[in-house]
Amino acid sequence: MKTATVRQFRDDATSFFKQEEPILVTRHGKIVGFFLPAAGDSLPLEIRKDLFSTLTDEIRSTMKARGLSEETVLADFEKTRKARRRR
């Protein structure tokens, strides 16, 4: 497994995407993420479930921290969608 800083990963992303080896991404010496090259055309079901769970947990905690309700977020999406149609 290769290791790259956030800056290295950002600057060399194109070359990293062409590799088949996983990459450990660090910031100030601490792990902040992984890049796992996809094998095939779709993600395995177990990975999709993990991603969905992680993303929903993150969204839920961010909404709670900001004091947002689901209705507020949906109203904001609707407002943005209508504004984009007018362009």
N, C-alpha and C. Protein backbone atom coordinates (compact mmCIF):
# COMPACT_ATOMS: atom_id res chain seq x y z
N MET A 1 0.84 -1.17 0.00
CA MET A 1 0.00 0.00 0.00
C MET A 1 0.89 1.24 0.00
N LYS A 2 0.57 2.15 -0.89
CA LYS A 2 1.31 3.41 -0.94
C LYS A 2 0.71 4.40 0.04
N THR A 3 1.52 5.40 0.41
CA THR A 3 1.07 6.48 1.28
C THR A 3 1.29 7.80 0.56
N ALA A 4 0.32 8.70 0.68
CA ALA A 4 0.44 10.02 0.08
C ALA A 4 -0.20 11.04 1.01
N THR A 5 0.35 12.24 1.03
CA THR A 5 -0.28 13.31 1.79
C THR A 5 -1.49 13.81 0.98
N VAL A 6 -2.34 14.58 1.63
CA VAL A 6 -3.50 15.13 0.94
C VAL A 6 -3.04 15.94 -0.27
N ARG A 7 -2.01 16.74 -0.08
CA ARG A 7 -1.51 17.58 -1.18
C ARG A 7 -0.97 16.72 -2.32
N GLN A 8 -0.20 15.69 -1.99
CA GLN A 8 0.32 14.80 -3.04
C GLN A 8 -0.82 14.11 -3.78
N PHE A 9 -1.80 13.65 -3.02
CA PHE A 9 -2.93 12.96 -3.64
C PHE A 9 -3.68 13.91 -4.57
N ARG A 10 -3.90 15.14 -4.12
CA ARG A 10 -4.59 16.13 -4.94
C ARG A 10 -3.81 16.44 -6.21
N ASP A 11 -2.51 16.70 -6.05
CA ASP A 11 -1.69 17.09 -7.19
C ASP A 11 -1.47 15.97 -8.19
N ASP A 12 -1.42 14.73 -7.72
CA ASP A 12 -1.13 13.59 -8.59
C ASP A 12 -2.32 12.63 -8.72
N ALA A 13 -3.52 13.13 -8.52
CA ALA A 13 -4.71 12.27 -8.52
C ALA A 13 -4.83 11.46 -9.80
N THR A 14 -4.59 12.07 -10.93
CA THR A 14 -4.73 11.35 -12.20
C THR A 14 -3.84 10.12 -12.26
N SER A 15 -2.60 10.26 -11.83
CA SER A 15 -1.70 9.11 -11.86
C SER A 15 -2.08 8.08 -10.80
N PHE A 16 -2.57 8.53 -9.65
CA PHE A 16 -3.01 7.59 -8.61
C PHE A 16 -4.22 6.77 -9.09
N PHE A 17 -5.13 7.41 -9.83
CA PHE A 17 -6.32 6.71 -10.31
C PHE A 17 -5.99 5.61 -11.31
N LYS A 18 -4.85 5.71 -11.96
CA LYS A 18 -4.44 4.71 -12.94
C LYS A 18 -3.79 3.49 -12.30
N GLN A 19 -3.42 3.60 -11.03
CA GLN A 19 -2.75 2.51 -10.34
C GLN A 19 -3.75 1.51 -9.77
N GLU A 20 -3.29 0.33 -9.52
CA GLU A 20 -4.16 -0.71 -8.96
C GLU A 20 -3.92 -0.93 -7.47
N GLU A 21 -2.97 -0.21 -6.91
CA GLU A 21 -2.61 -0.39 -5.50
C GLU A 21 -3.38 0.60 -4.62
N PRO A 22 -3.89 0.18 -3.46
CA PRO A 22 -4.56 1.11 -2.54
C PRO A 22 -3.60 2.19 -2.04
N ILE A 23 -4.16 3.35 -1.73
CA ILE A 23 -3.35 4.47 -1.26
C ILE A 23 -3.90 4.96 0.07
N LEU A 24 -3.03 5.09 1.04
CA LEU A 24 -3.35 5.63 2.35
C LEU A 24 -3.09 7.13 2.29
N VAL A 25 -4.11 7.94 2.56
CA VAL A 25 -3.97 9.40 2.48
C VAL A 25 -3.84 9.96 3.89
N THR A 26 -2.81 10.79 4.09
CA THR A 26 -2.55 11.35 5.42
C THR A 26 -2.53 12.88 5.39
N ARG A 27 -2.79 13.45 6.56
CA ARG A 27 -2.66 14.90 6.75
C ARG A 27 -1.97 15.08 8.09
N HIS A 28 -0.85 15.76 8.07
CA HIS A 28 -0.04 15.98 9.27
C HIS A 28 0.28 14.65 9.97
N GLY A 29 0.54 13.63 9.17
CA GLY A 29 0.93 12.34 9.70
C GLY A 29 -0.20 11.46 10.21
N LYS A 30 -1.44 11.94 10.11
CA LYS A 30 -2.59 11.17 10.57
C LYS A 30 -3.42 10.71 9.37
N ILE A 31 -3.95 9.51 9.46
CA ILE A 31 -4.76 8.95 8.37
C ILE A 31 -6.06 9.73 8.25
N VAL A 32 -6.36 10.19 7.03
CA VAL A 32 -7.62 10.88 6.77
C VAL A 32 -8.48 10.13 5.76
N GLY A 33 -7.91 9.15 5.07
CA GLY A 33 -8.70 8.39 4.12
C GLY A 33 -7.89 7.36 3.37
N PHE A 34 -8.62 6.62 2.56
CA PHE A 34 -8.02 5.61 1.72
C PHE A 34 -8.55 5.77 0.32
N PHE A 35 -7.74 5.45 -0.65
CA PHE A 35 -8.21 5.34 -2.02
C PHE A 35 -8.08 3.88 -2.40
N LEU A 36 -9.22 3.26 -2.70
CA LEU A 36 -9.22 1.86 -3.10
C LEU A 36 -9.67 1.80 -4.56
N PRO A 37 -8.79 1.41 -5.46
CA PRO A 37 -9.17 1.33 -6.86
C PRO A 37 -10.32 0.35 -7.05
N ALA A 38 -11.26 0.73 -7.87
CA ALA A 38 -12.41 -0.14 -8.14
C ALA A 38 -12.01 -1.23 -9.12
N ALA A 39 -12.44 -2.42 -8.83
CA ALA A 39 -12.20 -3.54 -9.73
C ALA A 39 -13.53 -3.89 -10.38
N GLY A 40 -13.65 -3.65 -11.64
CA GLY A 40 -14.90 -3.91 -12.33
C GLY A 40 -15.73 -2.66 -12.48
N ASP A 41 -16.96 -2.85 -12.93
CA ASP A 41 -17.82 -1.71 -13.24
C ASP A 41 -18.66 -1.21 -12.07
N SER A 42 -18.83 -2.03 -11.03
CA SER A 42 -19.68 -1.60 -9.93
C SER A 42 -19.06 -2.00 -8.59
N LEU A 43 -19.50 -1.31 -7.56
CA LEU A 43 -19.02 -1.61 -6.21
C LEU A 43 -19.75 -2.82 -5.65
N PRO A 44 -19.06 -3.64 -4.91
CA PRO A 44 -19.73 -4.76 -4.25
C PRO A 44 -20.80 -4.24 -3.28
N LEU A 45 -21.85 -5.02 -3.11
CA LEU A 45 -22.98 -4.63 -2.27
C LEU A 45 -22.54 -4.25 -0.86
N GLU A 46 -21.63 -4.99 -0.27
CA GLU A 46 -21.19 -4.72 1.10
C GLU A 46 -20.53 -3.34 1.20
N ILE A 47 -19.74 -2.96 0.21
CA ILE A 47 -19.10 -1.64 0.22
C ILE A 47 -20.16 -0.56 0.04
N ARG A 48 -21.12 -0.77 -0.84
CA ARG A 48 -22.19 0.21 -1.03
C ARG A 48 -22.98 0.41 0.27
N LYS A 49 -23.25 -0.67 0.99
CA LYS A 49 -23.96 -0.57 2.27
C LYS A 49 -23.15 0.23 3.28
N ASP A 50 -21.85 -0.05 3.36
CA ASP A 50 -20.98 0.68 4.29
C ASP A 50 -20.92 2.16 3.93
N LEU A 51 -20.79 2.48 2.65
CA LEU A 51 -20.75 3.88 2.22
C LEU A 51 -22.07 4.58 2.56
N PHE A 52 -23.18 3.93 2.27
CA PHE A 52 -24.48 4.51 2.57
C PHE A 52 -24.63 4.78 4.06
N SER A 53 -24.25 3.81 4.87
CA SER A 53 -24.35 3.96 6.32
C SER A 53 -23.47 5.10 6.82
N THR A 54 -22.24 5.16 6.34
CA THR A 54 -21.32 6.22 6.75
C THR A 54 -21.83 7.59 6.33
N LEU A 55 -22.29 7.71 5.10
CA LEU A 55 -22.79 9.00 4.61
C LEU A 55 -24.03 9.45 5.36
N THR A 56 -24.97 8.54 5.60
CA THR A 56 -26.17 8.95 6.32
C THR A 56 -25.86 9.34 7.76
N ASP A 57 -24.95 8.63 8.39
CA ASP A 57 -24.55 9.01 9.77
C ASP A 57 -23.93 10.40 9.79
N GLU A 58 -23.07 10.67 8.80
CA GLU A 58 -22.41 11.98 8.72
C GLU A 58 -23.42 13.10 8.46
N ILE A 59 -24.34 12.87 7.56
CA ILE A 59 -25.37 13.87 7.26
C ILE A 59 -26.24 14.12 8.50
N ARG A 60 -26.63 13.04 9.17
CA ARG A 60 -27.46 13.16 10.37
C ARG A 60 -26.75 13.98 11.46
N SER A 61 -25.48 13.69 11.70
CA SER A 61 -24.75 14.42 12.75
C SER A 61 -24.52 15.88 12.37
N THR A 62 -24.28 16.14 11.09
CA THR A 62 -24.10 17.53 10.64
C THR A 62 -25.40 18.31 10.78
N MET A 63 -26.50 17.69 10.40
CA MET A 63 -27.80 18.36 10.55
C MET A 63 -28.09 18.66 12.02
N LYS A 64 -27.82 17.71 12.88
CA LYS A 64 -28.06 17.90 14.32
C LYS A 64 -27.19 19.02 14.87
N ALA A 65 -25.91 19.04 14.48
CA ALA A 65 -24.99 20.06 14.96
C ALA A 65 -25.40 21.46 14.51
N ARG A 66 -26.01 21.54 13.33
CA ARG A 66 -26.43 22.84 12.80
C ARG A 66 -27.88 23.18 13.13
N GLY A 67 -28.54 22.28 13.82
CA GLY A 67 -29.93 22.54 14.21
C GLY A 67 -30.90 22.52 13.05
N LEU A 68 -30.65 21.71 12.05
CA LEU A 68 -31.50 21.64 10.87
C LEU A 68 -32.46 20.46 10.96
N SER A 69 -33.65 20.67 10.45
CA SER A 69 -34.62 19.58 10.37
C SER A 69 -34.63 19.06 8.93
N GLU A 70 -35.21 17.88 8.76
CA GLU A 70 -35.32 17.32 7.41
C GLU A 70 -36.16 18.23 6.52
N GLU A 71 -37.21 18.81 7.08
CA GLU A 71 -38.08 19.71 6.32
C GLU A 71 -37.32 20.94 5.82
N THR A 72 -36.45 21.49 6.66
CA THR A 72 -35.65 22.65 6.28
C THR A 72 -34.72 22.31 5.11
N VAL A 73 -34.07 21.17 5.19
CA VAL A 73 -33.15 20.74 4.13
C VAL A 73 -33.91 20.51 2.84
N LEU A 74 -35.06 19.83 2.91
CA LEU A 74 -35.85 19.57 1.71
C LEU A 74 -36.35 20.87 1.08
N ALA A 75 -36.76 21.82 1.91
CA ALA A 75 -37.21 23.12 1.40
C ALA A 75 -36.07 23.84 0.69
N ASP A 76 -34.87 23.74 1.24
CA ASP A 76 -33.71 24.37 0.62
C ASP A 76 -33.39 23.73 -0.73
N PHE A 77 -33.46 22.39 -0.79
CA PHE A 77 -33.25 21.71 -2.06
C PHE A 77 -34.27 22.16 -3.10
N GLU A 78 -35.53 22.25 -2.69
CA GLU A 78 -36.59 22.66 -3.61
C GLU A 78 -36.35 24.09 -4.11
N LYS A 79 -35.96 24.97 -3.22
CA LYS A 79 -35.67 26.36 -3.60
C LYS A 79 -34.52 26.42 -4.61
N THR A 80 -33.47 25.64 -4.35
CA THR A 80 -32.32 25.61 -5.26
C THR A 80 -32.70 25.02 -6.61
N ARG A 81 -33.51 23.96 -6.59
CA ARG A 81 -33.94 23.32 -7.83
C ARG A 81 -34.73 24.30 -8.69
N LYS A 82 -35.65 25.04 -8.09
CA LYS A 82 -36.44 26.02 -8.83
C LYS A 82 -35.58 27.14 -9.38
N ALA A 83 -34.59 27.57 -8.60
CA ALA A 83 -33.70 28.64 -9.06
C ALA A 83 -32.85 28.17 -10.25
N ARG A 84 -32.44 26.92 -10.26
CA ARG A 84 -31.63 26.39 -11.36
C ARG A 84 -32.46 26.27 -12.63
N ARG A 85 -33.74 25.99 -12.50
CA ARG A 85 -34.60 25.86 -13.68
C ARG A 85 -34.76 27.21 -14.39
N ARG A 86 -34.72 28.29 -13.63
CA ARG A 86 -34.91 29.63 -14.20
C ARG A 86 -33.69 30.11 -15.00
N ARG A 87 -32.56 29.47 -14.84
CA ARG A 87 -31.35 29.93 -15.54
C ARG A 87 -31.42 29.69 -17.01
